[in-house]
Amino acid sequence: MSQKTKNKPSGTKGYKKNLRTLQIELVKLQRHLIKNNLQILILFEGRDAAGKDGVIKRITEHLSPRETRVVALGKPSDRDRRSWYFQRYIPHLPPTEEMVLMNRSWYNRAGVERVMGYCTDTEYEEFMRSVLPFEHMLVDSGIQLFKYYLDISKEEQKRRLKDRRVDPLKQWKISPVDKVAIKHWNDYSAARNQMFARTHNQITPWYVVRADNKKQARLNVIRHLMSLVDCPEKDEHAATPDPDIVFTFNPKHLDNGRIAP
């Protein structure tokens, strides 16, 4: 049986069984994190409707809320706009014994703000110059930093955004940015590609998640995360992601179809 076959859930029952197994692995990771005073910060980026909420929910579902935080910052205030760009994120960084998951992060400046004109060219360039020194400083301080980009096709984004509009349980997700997401598809692709080109590096690399299939994306993000962290109790077999679903960014992926155009 191939690794690709092993990692794919067989229907709803298979998905739930695999998810439960992986969530047990996450509980092991949290115990290890608390015991050893570790700090983990996970950034989730991606287009609107890429599935960030769903992945984060499955990671945190059975973890201790005292040592797990989800950060999803809203529109910056006037004070935020007058401050150092990274300042609003500093209070949300994880202390020891804690895991923080950011649903969008400082990379909002490289994506939504860049495409929608919410920042100037000067502000954008300053961000691009300073983001890696900032991240490397965090790593040097002891924070384990992981960056995931959830990638979906244009057709899948159209379907999910339409679903948001008709599903009363999902309408809280609708934003003005959603309404023009498809219109600016190519602009978001160009911004994403620049972000990868200028901020992918050996210390804080980008990991791309092919997320058209939500269930496969959720399972394999957890597998991949477990493969990256040092946790003596983890099941090495369970921590083996499908390399067709989660992989380290490489410029060639922009041309070979592994990343949506």
Protein backbone atom coordinates (compact mmCIF):
# COMPACT_ATOMS: atom_id res chain seq x y z
CA MET A 1 0.00 0.00 0.00
CA SER A 2 1.43 3.40 -0.99
CA GLN A 3 1.92 6.23 1.51
CA LYS A 4 -0.61 8.28 -0.43
CA THR A 5 -3.23 5.55 -0.05
CA LYS A 6 -2.49 5.02 3.63
CA ASN A 7 -2.99 8.69 4.44
CA LYS A 8 -6.33 9.10 2.67
CA PRO A 9 -9.44 8.55 4.81
CA SER A 10 -11.95 6.05 3.45
CA GLY A 11 -15.24 7.90 3.83
CA THR A 12 -16.63 9.66 6.89
CA LYS A 13 -15.89 6.79 9.29
CA GLY A 14 -12.31 6.54 8.11
CA TYR A 15 -11.84 10.28 8.43
CA LYS A 16 -13.22 10.39 11.96
CA LYS A 17 -11.08 7.43 13.02
CA ASN A 18 -7.92 9.00 11.58
CA LEU A 19 -8.77 12.38 13.09
CA ARG A 20 -9.24 10.88 16.55
CA THR A 21 -5.87 9.10 16.30
CA LEU A 22 -4.16 12.33 15.31
CA GLN A 23 -5.88 14.38 18.00
CA ILE A 24 -4.52 11.91 20.56
CA GLU A 25 -1.08 12.63 19.13
CA LEU A 26 -1.72 16.36 19.61
CA VAL A 27 -2.59 15.77 23.26
CA LYS A 28 0.76 13.98 23.63
CA LEU A 29 2.45 16.98 22.05
CA GLN A 30 0.74 19.37 24.45
CA ARG A 31 1.82 17.33 27.47
CA HIS A 32 5.39 17.41 26.15
CA LEU A 33 5.15 21.16 25.49
CA ILE A 34 3.96 21.87 29.05
CA LYS A 35 6.45 19.53 30.69
CA ASN A 36 9.41 21.06 28.85
CA ASN A 37 8.38 24.75 28.88
CA LEU A 38 8.19 24.92 25.10
CA GLN A 39 6.58 27.60 22.91
CA ILE A 40 4.86 26.88 19.60
CA LEU A 41 3.48 29.44 17.17
CA ILE A 42 1.65 28.32 14.02
CA LEU A 43 0.66 30.76 11.27
CA PHE A 44 -2.13 29.86 8.86
CA GLU A 45 -2.43 31.85 5.66
CA GLY A 46 -4.42 31.33 2.47
CA ARG A 47 -7.13 32.83 0.33
CA ASP A 48 -10.60 33.50 1.67
CA ALA A 49 -12.44 30.18 2.20
CA ALA A 50 -9.21 28.14 2.04
CA GLY A 51 -10.21 26.23 5.19
CA LYS A 52 -8.09 27.87 7.88
CA ASP A 53 -10.93 27.84 10.44
CA GLY A 54 -11.55 24.14 9.92
CA VAL A 55 -7.92 23.11 10.28
CA ILE A 56 -7.47 25.19 13.42
CA LYS A 57 -10.68 23.82 14.95
CA ARG A 58 -9.52 20.21 14.50
CA ILE A 59 -6.10 20.94 15.98
CA THR A 60 -7.46 22.67 19.08
CA GLU A 61 -10.64 20.64 19.61
CA HIS A 62 -9.31 18.44 22.42
CA LEU A 63 -6.39 20.50 23.69
CA SER A 64 -6.34 22.34 27.01
CA PRO A 65 -7.76 25.85 26.50
CA ARG A 66 -5.44 27.18 29.20
CA GLU A 67 -2.36 26.36 27.12
CA THR A 68 -3.88 26.82 23.65
CA ARG A 69 -4.91 30.11 22.05
CA VAL A 70 -6.35 30.97 18.66
CA VAL A 71 -5.59 34.49 17.46
CA ALA A 72 -7.67 36.06 14.68
CA LEU A 73 -7.15 39.81 14.76
CA GLY A 74 -9.71 42.13 13.24
CA LYS A 75 -9.29 45.37 11.37
CA PRO A 76 -6.40 47.44 12.80
CA SER A 77 -7.40 50.40 14.94
CA ASP A 78 -6.18 53.96 14.44
CA ARG A 79 -3.63 53.33 17.19
CA ASP A 80 -2.46 50.15 15.44
CA ARG A 81 -1.96 52.08 12.22
CA ARG A 82 0.21 54.63 14.05
CA SER A 83 2.33 51.92 15.68
CA TRP A 84 5.15 49.66 14.53
CA TYR A 85 3.47 47.12 12.28
CA PHE A 86 4.39 44.06 14.35
CA GLN A 87 3.42 45.71 17.65
CA ARG A 88 -0.19 44.49 17.61
CA TYR A 89 1.02 40.89 17.32
CA ILE A 90 3.53 40.98 20.18
CA PRO A 91 0.98 40.52 23.01
CA HIS A 92 -0.30 37.36 21.33
CA LEU A 93 3.01 35.52 21.12
CA PRO A 94 3.16 32.29 23.14
CA PRO A 95 4.88 32.21 26.54
CA THR A 96 6.39 28.93 27.69
CA GLU A 97 3.99 25.97 27.97
CA GLU A 98 1.68 27.45 25.34
CA MET A 99 0.68 26.89 21.71
CA VAL A 100 -0.73 29.79 19.67
CA LEU A 101 -2.43 29.38 16.29
CA MET A 102 -2.87 32.51 14.19
CA ASN A 103 -5.74 32.59 11.69
CA ARG A 104 -3.99 35.05 9.41
CA SER A 105 -0.95 36.78 10.79
CA TRP A 106 1.48 39.58 10.06
CA TYR A 107 1.48 38.21 6.49
CA ASN A 108 -1.84 39.99 6.03
CA ARG A 109 0.33 42.86 4.83
CA ALA A 110 1.76 40.69 2.05
CA GLY A 111 -1.70 39.47 0.99
CA VAL A 112 -4.99 41.25 1.67
CA GLU A 113 -3.45 44.63 2.48
CA ARG A 114 -1.25 44.53 -0.61
CA VAL A 115 -4.04 43.48 -2.99
CA MET A 116 -6.77 45.71 -1.56
CA GLY A 117 -4.57 48.79 -1.24
CA TYR A 118 -4.78 48.92 2.56
CA CYS A 119 -1.05 49.64 2.80
CA THR A 120 1.31 51.82 0.81
CA ASP A 121 4.18 50.54 -1.33
CA THR A 122 6.58 51.92 1.28
CA GLU A 123 4.81 50.07 4.10
CA TYR A 124 4.80 46.87 2.06
CA GLU A 125 8.52 47.08 1.29
CA GLU A 126 9.33 47.84 4.91
CA PHE A 127 7.38 44.74 5.93
CA MET A 128 9.21 42.58 3.42
CA ARG A 129 12.59 43.83 4.66
CA SER A 130 11.81 43.33 8.33
CA VAL A 131 9.64 40.20 8.54
CA LEU A 132 12.43 37.63 8.38
CA PRO A 133 14.65 39.36 10.96
CA PHE A 134 11.56 39.57 13.17
CA GLU A 135 10.78 35.87 12.76
CA HIS A 136 14.39 34.84 13.28
CA MET A 137 14.45 36.85 16.50
CA LEU A 138 11.41 34.92 17.69
CA VAL A 139 13.08 31.61 16.85
CA ASP A 140 16.28 32.69 18.62
CA SER A 141 14.18 33.46 21.70
CA GLY A 142 12.94 29.86 21.82
CA ILE A 143 9.65 29.98 19.87
CA GLN A 144 9.06 27.15 17.43
CA LEU A 145 7.48 28.90 14.44
CA PHE A 146 5.64 27.07 11.65
CA LYS A 147 4.07 28.71 8.58
CA TYR A 148 1.32 27.02 6.56
CA TYR A 149 -0.29 28.33 3.39
CA LEU A 150 -3.59 26.63 2.48
CA ASP A 151 -3.89 26.58 -1.30
CA ILE A 152 -7.17 26.08 -3.17
CA SER A 153 -8.24 26.25 -6.80
CA LYS A 154 -10.29 29.10 -8.24
CA GLU A 155 -13.25 26.77 -8.83
CA GLU A 156 -13.18 25.53 -5.23
CA GLN A 157 -13.03 29.07 -3.86
CA LYS A 158 -16.06 30.03 -5.96
CA ARG A 159 -17.99 27.04 -4.63
CA ARG A 160 -17.11 27.74 -0.98
CA LEU A 161 -17.87 31.44 -1.17
CA LYS A 162 -21.25 30.66 -2.74
CA ASP A 163 -21.91 28.18 0.07
CA ARG A 164 -21.20 30.89 2.62
CA ARG A 165 -23.84 33.13 1.11
CA VAL A 166 -26.60 30.52 1.29
CA ASP A 167 -25.71 28.70 4.53
CA PRO A 168 -27.09 30.66 7.53
CA LEU A 169 -24.51 29.01 9.82
CA LYS A 170 -21.62 30.33 7.73
CA GLN A 171 -22.78 33.86 7.00
CA TRP A 172 -20.73 35.28 9.87
CA LYS A 173 -17.69 34.54 7.69
CA ILE A 174 -18.81 36.86 4.91
CA SER A 175 -16.75 40.05 4.61
CA PRO A 176 -16.38 42.85 2.05
CA VAL A 177 -13.08 41.26 1.01
CA ASP A 178 -14.89 38.00 0.19
CA LYS A 179 -17.08 39.77 -2.34
CA VAL A 180 -14.12 40.71 -4.52
CA ALA A 181 -11.92 37.66 -3.88
CA ILE A 182 -12.61 36.05 -7.25
CA LYS A 183 -12.30 39.38 -9.08
CA HIS A 184 -8.82 39.79 -7.62
CA TRP A 185 -7.79 36.13 -8.05
CA ASN A 186 -4.75 36.96 -10.21
CA ASP A 187 -3.70 39.80 -7.90
CA TYR A 188 -3.79 37.44 -4.91
CA SER A 189 -1.77 34.88 -6.85
CA ALA A 190 0.88 37.48 -7.67
CA ALA A 191 1.00 38.65 -4.03
CA ARG A 192 1.27 35.05 -2.80
CA ASN A 193 4.09 34.31 -5.20
CA GLN A 194 6.02 37.40 -4.07
CA MET A 195 5.45 36.44 -0.45
CA PHE A 196 6.87 32.99 -1.07
CA ALA A 197 9.81 34.29 -3.08
CA ARG A 198 10.83 36.86 -0.48
CA THR A 199 9.97 35.18 2.83
CA HIS A 200 10.60 31.46 2.32
CA ASN A 201 13.86 30.55 4.06
CA GLN A 202 15.58 27.70 5.89
CA ILE A 203 14.81 28.97 9.38
CA THR A 204 11.10 29.75 8.90
CA PRO A 205 10.09 27.99 5.67
CA TRP A 206 6.66 28.00 4.08
CA TYR A 207 4.71 24.76 3.96
CA VAL A 208 2.03 24.58 1.27
CA VAL A 209 -1.18 22.61 1.87
CA ARG A 210 -3.30 21.53 -1.09
CA ALA A 211 -6.68 22.18 0.49
CA ASP A 212 -9.39 21.54 -2.12
CA ASN A 213 -10.23 18.43 -0.08
CA LYS A 214 -10.86 19.80 3.40
CA LYS A 215 -10.63 16.48 5.21
CA GLN A 216 -7.33 15.50 3.63
CA ALA A 217 -5.95 18.95 4.37
CA ARG A 218 -6.91 18.77 8.06
CA LEU A 219 -5.47 15.30 8.60
CA ASN A 220 -2.24 16.02 6.79
CA VAL A 221 -1.57 19.37 8.44
CA ILE A 222 -1.73 17.58 11.81
CA ARG A 223 0.49 14.78 10.51
CA HIS A 224 2.97 17.29 9.16
CA LEU A 225 3.02 19.33 12.36
CA MET A 226 3.69 16.18 14.38
CA SER A 227 6.50 15.26 11.99
CA LEU A 228 8.20 18.61 12.65
CA VAL A 229 8.07 18.69 16.44
CA ASP A 230 10.25 16.80 18.86
CA CYS A 231 7.88 14.68 20.95
CA PRO A 232 9.34 11.41 22.28
CA GLU A 233 5.92 9.81 22.81
CA LYS A 234 4.59 10.44 19.31
CA ASP A 235 3.66 7.66 16.91
CA GLU A 236 6.10 8.05 14.02
CA HIS A 237 3.72 6.22 11.68
CA ALA A 238 0.85 8.57 12.49
CA ALA A 239 3.18 11.53 11.97
CA THR A 240 3.83 10.78 8.30
CA PRO A 241 2.05 13.29 6.02
CA ASP A 242 1.12 12.75 2.39
CA PRO A 243 3.78 14.67 0.41
CA ASP A 244 1.21 15.34 -2.31
CA ILE A 245 -0.91 17.26 0.21
CA VAL A 246 1.66 19.10 2.38
CA PHE A 247 5.08 20.06 1.08
CA THR A 248 7.81 22.63 1.51
CA PHE A 249 7.56 25.52 -0.92
CA ASN A 250 9.80 25.41 -3.97
CA PRO A 251 9.60 27.89 -6.87
CA LYS A 252 9.18 25.01 -9.31
CA HIS A 253 5.78 24.27 -7.75
CA LEU A 254 4.45 27.50 -9.26
CA ASP A 255 5.06 26.04 -12.72
CA ASN A 256 4.31 22.34 -12.31
CA GLY A 257 0.72 22.69 -11.10
CA ARG A 258 1.24 21.76 -7.46
CA ILE A 259 0.25 25.31 -6.46
CA ALA A 260 -2.90 26.85 -7.95
CA PRO A 261 -2.13 29.48 -10.64
